[in-house]
Amino acid sequence: MASISSRVARSFVVMATAAWLVGVPAAAIAQSGGSTPAKPVSGLGYGFAGVGAAIGDGDSTGTWHVGGGGEAIFAGAIGVGAEIGYLNSFEEDSEGIGVFSVNGSYHFGGGSPSRKVRPFVTGGYTLGFQDGHANLFNVGGGVDFWLKPKVGLRVEFRDHIWTRDNDTVQFLGVRAGVTFR
């Protein structure tokens, strides 16, 4: 049990560090310079925690997921980003997996920083890793609620889909967290 806990702790530290390394540059890119007028949103970072289920082969189990990432946003709407996280089951003695995703996204409503509510859709490639690796894809969507000009709340749904040998496993999740630009 102690070895599983230490592996989980090490994995979480590695993933939190990686999320920080992705999120901080995204936030720096999004900052407006000095006295120049504010530009449309050009990037954002986020951190999240969520719950969901792994469903496949006629079975399901509850899951939890933590992580963070960042996006560069072009033309006020089209995003390219990456995120890293840790996905695990609520079952005792379960070993989770690291997940790294590279996504495209579309943010509705233009790039005006004055918009308080900004829905989005996203999808892309996910690499699942632990002792080996697995190739997945993901789709999802959600809403950023901007509480202050540079800080908001993100609520989203994400589905990581793993297809292998005529079997599909879906990692469905509802996630909430903080976003910043």
C-alpha atoms as a PDB file:
ATOM      1  CA  MET A   1       0.000   0.000   0.000  1.00  0.00           C
ATOM      2  CA  ALA A   2       2.826   2.406   0.851  1.00  0.00           C
ATOM      3  CA  SER A   3       4.422   1.920  -2.585  1.00  0.00           C
ATOM      4  CA  ILE A   4       1.133   2.744  -4.334  1.00  0.00           C
ATOM      5  CA  SER A   5       0.707   5.885  -2.209  1.00  0.00           C
ATOM      6  CA  SER A   6       4.257   7.025  -2.931  1.00  0.00           C
ATOM      7  CA  ARG A   7       3.787   6.406  -6.673  1.00  0.00           C
ATOM      8  CA  VAL A   8       0.535   8.372  -6.623  1.00  0.00           C
ATOM      9  CA  ALA A   9       2.224  11.231  -4.748  1.00  0.00           C
ATOM     10  CA  ARG A  10       5.187  11.270  -7.158  1.00  0.00           C
ATOM     11  CA  SER A  11       2.840  11.186 -10.160  1.00  0.00           C
ATOM     12  CA  PHE A  12       0.774  14.034  -8.760  1.00  0.00           C
ATOM     13  CA  VAL A  13       3.870  16.187  -8.124  1.00  0.00           C
ATOM     14  CA  VAL A  14       5.152  15.554 -11.649  1.00  0.00           C
ATOM     15  CA  MET A  15       1.774  16.390 -13.188  1.00  0.00           C
ATOM     16  CA  ALA A  16       1.221  19.483 -11.043  1.00  0.00           C
ATOM     17  CA  THR A  17       4.680  20.748 -12.021  1.00  0.00           C
ATOM     18  CA  ALA A  18       3.985  20.105 -15.698  1.00  0.00           C
ATOM     19  CA  ALA A  19       0.604  21.877 -15.452  1.00  0.00           C
ATOM     20  CA  TRP A  20       2.352  24.849 -13.838  1.00  0.00           C
ATOM     21  CA  LEU A  21       4.949  24.897 -16.627  1.00  0.00           C
ATOM     22  CA  VAL A  22       2.163  24.951 -19.246  1.00  0.00           C
ATOM     23  CA  GLY A  23      -0.148  27.398 -17.414  1.00  0.00           C
ATOM     24  CA  VAL A  24       2.329  30.107 -16.400  1.00  0.00           C
ATOM     25  CA  PRO A  25       3.600  30.781 -19.956  1.00  0.00           C
ATOM     26  CA  ALA A  26       0.008  30.836 -21.224  1.00  0.00           C
ATOM     27  CA  ALA A  27      -0.886  33.414 -18.576  1.00  0.00           C
ATOM     28  CA  ALA A  28       2.215  35.478 -19.397  1.00  0.00           C
ATOM     29  CA  ILE A  29       1.276  35.502 -23.081  1.00  0.00           C
ATOM     30  CA  ALA A  30      -2.221  36.697 -22.173  1.00  0.00           C
ATOM     31  CA  GLN A  31      -1.009  39.741 -20.202  1.00  0.00           C
ATOM     32  CA  SER A  32      -1.423  43.161 -21.813  1.00  0.00           C
ATOM     33  CA  GLY A  33       1.683  45.327 -21.849  1.00  0.00           C
ATOM     34  CA  GLY A  34       1.826  48.475 -19.682  1.00  0.00           C
ATOM     35  CA  SER A  35      -0.301  51.384 -20.865  1.00  0.00           C
ATOM     36  CA  THR A  36      -1.376  49.861 -24.173  1.00  0.00           C
ATOM     37  CA  PRO A  37      -5.089  49.150 -24.527  1.00  0.00           C
ATOM     38  CA  ALA A  38      -6.260  45.658 -23.597  1.00  0.00           C
ATOM     39  CA  LYS A  39      -6.111  43.231 -26.516  1.00  0.00           C
ATOM     40  CA  PRO A  40      -8.642  40.466 -27.181  1.00  0.00           C
ATOM     41  CA  VAL A  41      -8.026  37.261 -25.238  1.00  0.00           C
ATOM     42  CA  SER A  42      -4.847  35.669 -26.544  1.00  0.00           C
ATOM     43  CA  GLY A  43      -4.356  32.889 -24.037  1.00  0.00           C
ATOM     44  CA  LEU A  44      -5.580  31.338 -20.832  1.00  0.00           C
ATOM     45  CA  GLY A  45      -4.565  28.814 -18.215  1.00  0.00           C
ATOM     46  CA  TYR A  46      -6.677  26.611 -15.960  1.00  0.00           C
ATOM     47  CA  GLY A  47      -6.625  24.068 -13.169  1.00  0.00           C
ATOM     48  CA  PHE A  48      -9.426  21.615 -12.439  1.00  0.00           C
ATOM     49  CA  ALA A  49     -10.765  18.772 -10.308  1.00  0.00           C
ATOM     50  CA  GLY A  50     -13.598  16.510 -11.333  1.00  0.00           C
ATOM     51  CA  VAL A  51     -15.539  13.314 -10.871  1.00  0.00           C
ATOM     52  CA  GLY A  52     -16.911  10.873 -13.389  1.00  0.00           C
ATOM     53  CA  ALA A  53     -17.049   7.260 -14.456  1.00  0.00           C
ATOM     54  CA  ALA A  54     -15.063   4.765 -16.496  1.00  0.00           C
ATOM     55  CA  ILE A  55     -17.527   2.813 -18.643  1.00  0.00           C
ATOM     56  CA  GLY A  56     -16.694  -0.174 -20.821  1.00  0.00           C
ATOM     57  CA  ASP A  57     -17.280  -3.864 -21.430  1.00  0.00           C
ATOM     58  CA  GLY A  58     -20.620  -3.712 -19.614  1.00  0.00           C
ATOM     59  CA  ASP A  59     -19.051  -2.393 -16.401  1.00  0.00           C
ATOM     60  CA  SER A  60     -18.518   1.006 -14.795  1.00  0.00           C
ATOM     61  CA  THR A  61     -16.647   2.523 -11.867  1.00  0.00           C
ATOM     62  CA  GLY A  62     -16.475   5.994 -10.332  1.00  0.00           C
ATOM     63  CA  THR A  63     -13.409   8.125 -11.111  1.00  0.00           C
ATOM     64  CA  TRP A  64     -11.735  11.374 -10.067  1.00  0.00           C
ATOM     65  CA  HIS A  65      -9.480  13.575 -12.199  1.00  0.00           C
ATOM     66  CA  VAL A  66      -7.188  16.537 -11.371  1.00  0.00           C
ATOM     67  CA  GLY A  67      -4.927  18.579 -13.614  1.00  0.00           C
ATOM     68  CA  GLY A  68      -4.355  21.798 -15.471  1.00  0.00           C
ATOM     69  CA  GLY A  69      -3.351  23.273 -18.780  1.00  0.00           C
ATOM     70  CA  GLY A  70      -3.303  26.264 -21.052  1.00  0.00           C
ATOM     71  CA  GLU A  71      -4.425  27.494 -24.455  1.00  0.00           C
ATOM     72  CA  ALA A  72      -3.309  30.021 -27.017  1.00  0.00           C
ATOM     73  CA  ILE A  73      -6.363  31.610 -28.650  1.00  0.00           C
ATOM     74  CA  PHE A  74      -6.205  33.026 -32.164  1.00  0.00           C
ATOM     75  CA  ALA A  75      -8.682  35.371 -33.865  1.00  0.00           C
ATOM     76  CA  GLY A  76     -10.553  35.618 -30.565  1.00  0.00           C
ATOM     77  CA  ALA A  77     -12.094  32.157 -30.920  1.00  0.00           C
ATOM     78  CA  ILE A  78      -9.843  29.312 -32.151  1.00  0.00           C
ATOM     79  CA  GLY A  79      -7.688  27.710 -29.479  1.00  0.00           C
ATOM     80  CA  VAL A  80      -4.739  25.323 -29.411  1.00  0.00           C
ATOM     81  CA  GLY A  81      -3.730  23.944 -26.045  1.00  0.00           C
ATOM     82  CA  ALA A  82      -2.372  21.194 -23.859  1.00  0.00           C
ATOM     83  CA  GLU A  83      -3.191  19.818 -20.437  1.00  0.00           C
ATOM     84  CA  ILE A  84      -1.819  17.232 -18.065  1.00  0.00           C
ATOM     85  CA  GLY A  85      -3.583  15.438 -15.249  1.00  0.00           C
ATOM     86  CA  TYR A  86      -4.060  12.364 -13.109  1.00  0.00           C
ATOM     87  CA  LEU A  87      -7.111  10.104 -13.512  1.00  0.00           C
ATOM     88  CA  ASN A  88      -7.941   7.436 -10.921  1.00  0.00           C
ATOM     89  CA  SER A  89     -10.764   5.185  -9.735  1.00  0.00           C
ATOM     90  CA  PHE A  90     -12.463   5.547  -6.357  1.00  0.00           C
ATOM     91  CA  GLU A  91     -11.886   1.813  -5.811  1.00  0.00           C
ATOM     92  CA  GLU A  92      -9.500   0.952  -2.992  1.00  0.00           C
ATOM     93  CA  ASP A  93      -5.956   0.020  -4.108  1.00  0.00           C
ATOM     94  CA  SER A  94      -6.548   1.286  -7.642  1.00  0.00           C
ATOM     95  CA  GLU A  95      -3.662   2.706  -9.614  1.00  0.00           C
ATOM     96  CA  GLY A  96      -4.429   5.743 -11.706  1.00  0.00           C
ATOM     97  CA  ILE A  97      -2.998   6.920 -14.982  1.00  0.00           C
ATOM     98  CA  GLY A  98      -1.390  10.096 -16.160  1.00  0.00           C
ATOM     99  CA  VAL A  99      -3.178  11.809 -19.030  1.00  0.00           C
ATOM    100  CA  PHE A 100      -1.629  14.330 -21.403  1.00  0.00           C
ATOM    101  CA  SER A 101      -3.900  15.931 -24.006  1.00  0.00           C
ATOM    102  CA  VAL A 102      -3.263  18.178 -26.986  1.00  0.00           C
ATOM    103  CA  ASN A 103      -6.491  19.830 -28.144  1.00  0.00           C
ATOM    104  CA  GLY A 104      -8.098  22.245 -30.491  1.00  0.00           C
ATOM    105  CA  SER A 105     -10.996  24.355 -29.249  1.00  0.00           C
ATOM    106  CA  TYR A 106     -13.548  26.909 -30.330  1.00  0.00           C
ATOM    107  CA  HIS A 107     -14.637  29.674 -27.923  1.00  0.00           C
ATOM    108  CA  PHE A 108     -18.006  31.202 -28.786  1.00  0.00           C
ATOM    109  CA  GLY A 109     -18.764  34.902 -28.571  1.00  0.00           C
ATOM    110  CA  GLY A 110     -15.586  36.536 -29.872  1.00  0.00           C
ATOM    111  CA  GLY A 111     -12.473  37.617 -28.009  1.00  0.00           C
ATOM    112  CA  SER A 112     -13.802  40.570 -26.029  1.00  0.00           C
ATOM    113  CA  PRO A 113     -12.337  40.543 -22.504  1.00  0.00           C
ATOM    114  CA  SER A 114     -15.582  42.165 -21.288  1.00  0.00           C
ATOM    115  CA  ARG A 115     -17.680  39.004 -21.938  1.00  0.00           C
ATOM    116  CA  LYS A 116     -18.599  37.417 -18.595  1.00  0.00           C
ATOM    117  CA  VAL A 117     -19.767  34.035 -19.961  1.00  0.00           C
ATOM    118  CA  ARG A 118     -17.851  32.248 -22.701  1.00  0.00           C
ATOM    119  CA  PRO A 119     -18.878  28.731 -23.832  1.00  0.00           C
ATOM    120  CA  PHE A 120     -16.421  26.481 -25.663  1.00  0.00           C
ATOM    121  CA  VAL A 121     -16.067  23.079 -27.326  1.00  0.00           C
ATOM    122  CA  THR A 122     -12.844  21.081 -27.444  1.00  0.00           C
ATOM    123  CA  GLY A 123     -11.384  17.850 -28.738  1.00  0.00           C
ATOM    124  CA  GLY A 124      -8.103  16.178 -29.560  1.00  0.00           C
ATOM    125  CA  TYR A 125      -5.527  13.526 -28.759  1.00  0.00           C
ATOM    126  CA  THR A 126      -4.869  12.085 -25.286  1.00  0.00           C
ATOM    127  CA  LEU A 127      -1.881  10.015 -24.216  1.00  0.00           C
ATOM    128  CA  GLY A 128      -2.605   7.799 -21.212  1.00  0.00           C
ATOM    129  CA  PHE A 129       0.490   6.621 -19.358  1.00  0.00           C
ATOM    130  CA  GLN A 130       1.590   4.622 -16.346  1.00  0.00           C
ATOM    131  CA  ASP A 131       3.871   1.609 -16.888  1.00  0.00           C
ATOM    132  CA  GLY A 132       3.181   1.773 -20.633  1.00  0.00           C
ATOM    133  CA  HIS A 133       1.010   4.067 -22.713  1.00  0.00           C
ATOM    134  CA  ALA A 134      -2.322   4.125 -24.553  1.00  0.00           C
ATOM    135  CA  ASN A 135      -3.626   6.368 -27.331  1.00  0.00           C
ATOM    136  CA  LEU A 136      -7.025   7.921 -26.709  1.00  0.00           C
ATOM    137  CA  PHE A 137      -9.016  10.823 -28.081  1.00  0.00           C
ATOM    138  CA  ASN A 138     -11.192  13.295 -26.196  1.00  0.00           C
ATOM    139  CA  VAL A 139     -14.194  15.526 -26.808  1.00  0.00           C
ATOM    140  CA  GLY A 140     -15.941  17.951 -24.528  1.00  0.00           C
ATOM    141  CA  GLY A 141     -17.266  21.384 -23.865  1.00  0.00           C
ATOM    142  CA  GLY A 142     -18.023  23.830 -21.132  1.00  0.00           C
ATOM    143  CA  VAL A 143     -18.245  27.431 -20.013  1.00  0.00           C
ATOM    144  CA  ASP A 144     -15.792  29.935 -18.583  1.00  0.00           C
ATOM    145  CA  PHE A 145     -17.505  32.354 -16.152  1.00  0.00           C
ATOM    146  CA  TRP A 146     -15.227  35.420 -15.797  1.00  0.00           C
ATOM    147  CA  LEU A 147     -15.697  36.684 -12.236  1.00  0.00           C
ATOM    148  CA  LYS A 148     -12.972  39.338 -12.602  1.00  0.00           C
ATOM    149  CA  PRO A 149     -11.188  40.603 -15.734  1.00  0.00           C
ATOM    150  CA  LYS A 150      -8.425  37.975 -15.440  1.00  0.00           C
ATOM    151  CA  VAL A 151      -9.865  35.265 -13.145  1.00  0.00           C
ATOM    152  CA  GLY A 152     -12.838  33.006 -13.692  1.00  0.00           C
ATOM    153  CA  LEU A 153     -14.553  29.713 -12.992  1.00  0.00           C
ATOM    154  CA  ARG A 154     -14.433  26.897 -15.560  1.00  0.00           C
ATOM    155  CA  VAL A 155     -17.096  24.170 -15.645  1.00  0.00           C
ATOM    156  CA  GLU A 156     -16.886  21.477 -18.306  1.00  0.00           C
ATOM    157  CA  PHE A 157     -17.667  17.948 -19.416  1.00  0.00           C
ATOM    158  CA  ARG A 158     -14.918  15.793 -20.951  1.00  0.00           C
ATOM    159  CA  ASP A 159     -14.981  12.297 -22.449  1.00  0.00           C
ATOM    160  CA  HIS A 160     -11.647  10.501 -22.966  1.00  0.00           C
ATOM    161  CA  ILE A 161     -12.269   7.550 -25.293  1.00  0.00           C
ATOM    162  CA  TRP A 162      -9.987   4.508 -25.575  1.00  0.00           C
ATOM    163  CA  THR A 163     -10.663   2.026 -28.360  1.00  0.00           C
ATOM    164  CA  ARG A 164      -8.749  -1.270 -28.511  1.00  0.00           C
ATOM    165  CA  ASP A 165      -9.461  -4.733 -29.895  1.00  0.00           C
ATOM    166  CA  ASN A 166     -13.138  -4.019 -30.711  1.00  0.00           C
ATOM    167  CA  ASP A 167     -13.686  -2.699 -27.166  1.00  0.00           C
ATOM    168  CA  THR A 168     -14.250   0.901 -26.113  1.00  0.00           C
ATOM    169  CA  VAL A 169     -13.689   2.389 -22.672  1.00  0.00           C
ATOM    170  CA  GLN A 170     -14.959   5.896 -21.972  1.00  0.00           C
ATOM    171  CA  PHE A 171     -13.697   8.064 -19.119  1.00  0.00           C
ATOM    172  CA  LEU A 172     -16.587  10.517 -18.674  1.00  0.00           C
ATOM    173  CA  GLY A 173     -16.085  13.421 -16.310  1.00  0.00           C
ATOM    174  CA  VAL A 174     -17.547  16.667 -15.049  1.00  0.00           C
ATOM    175  CA  ARG A 175     -14.794  19.097 -14.060  1.00  0.00           C
ATOM    176  CA  ALA A 176     -14.699  22.454 -12.293  1.00  0.00           C
ATOM    177  CA  GLY A 177     -11.816  24.764 -11.580  1.00  0.00           C
ATOM    178  CA  VAL A 178     -10.221  28.143 -11.922  1.00  0.00           C
ATOM    179  CA  THR A 179      -9.196  29.798 -15.187  1.00  0.00           C
ATOM    180  CA  PHE A 180      -7.044  32.861 -15.713  1.00  0.00           C
ATOM    181  CA  ARG A 181      -5.940  35.052 -18.619  1.00  0.00           C
END
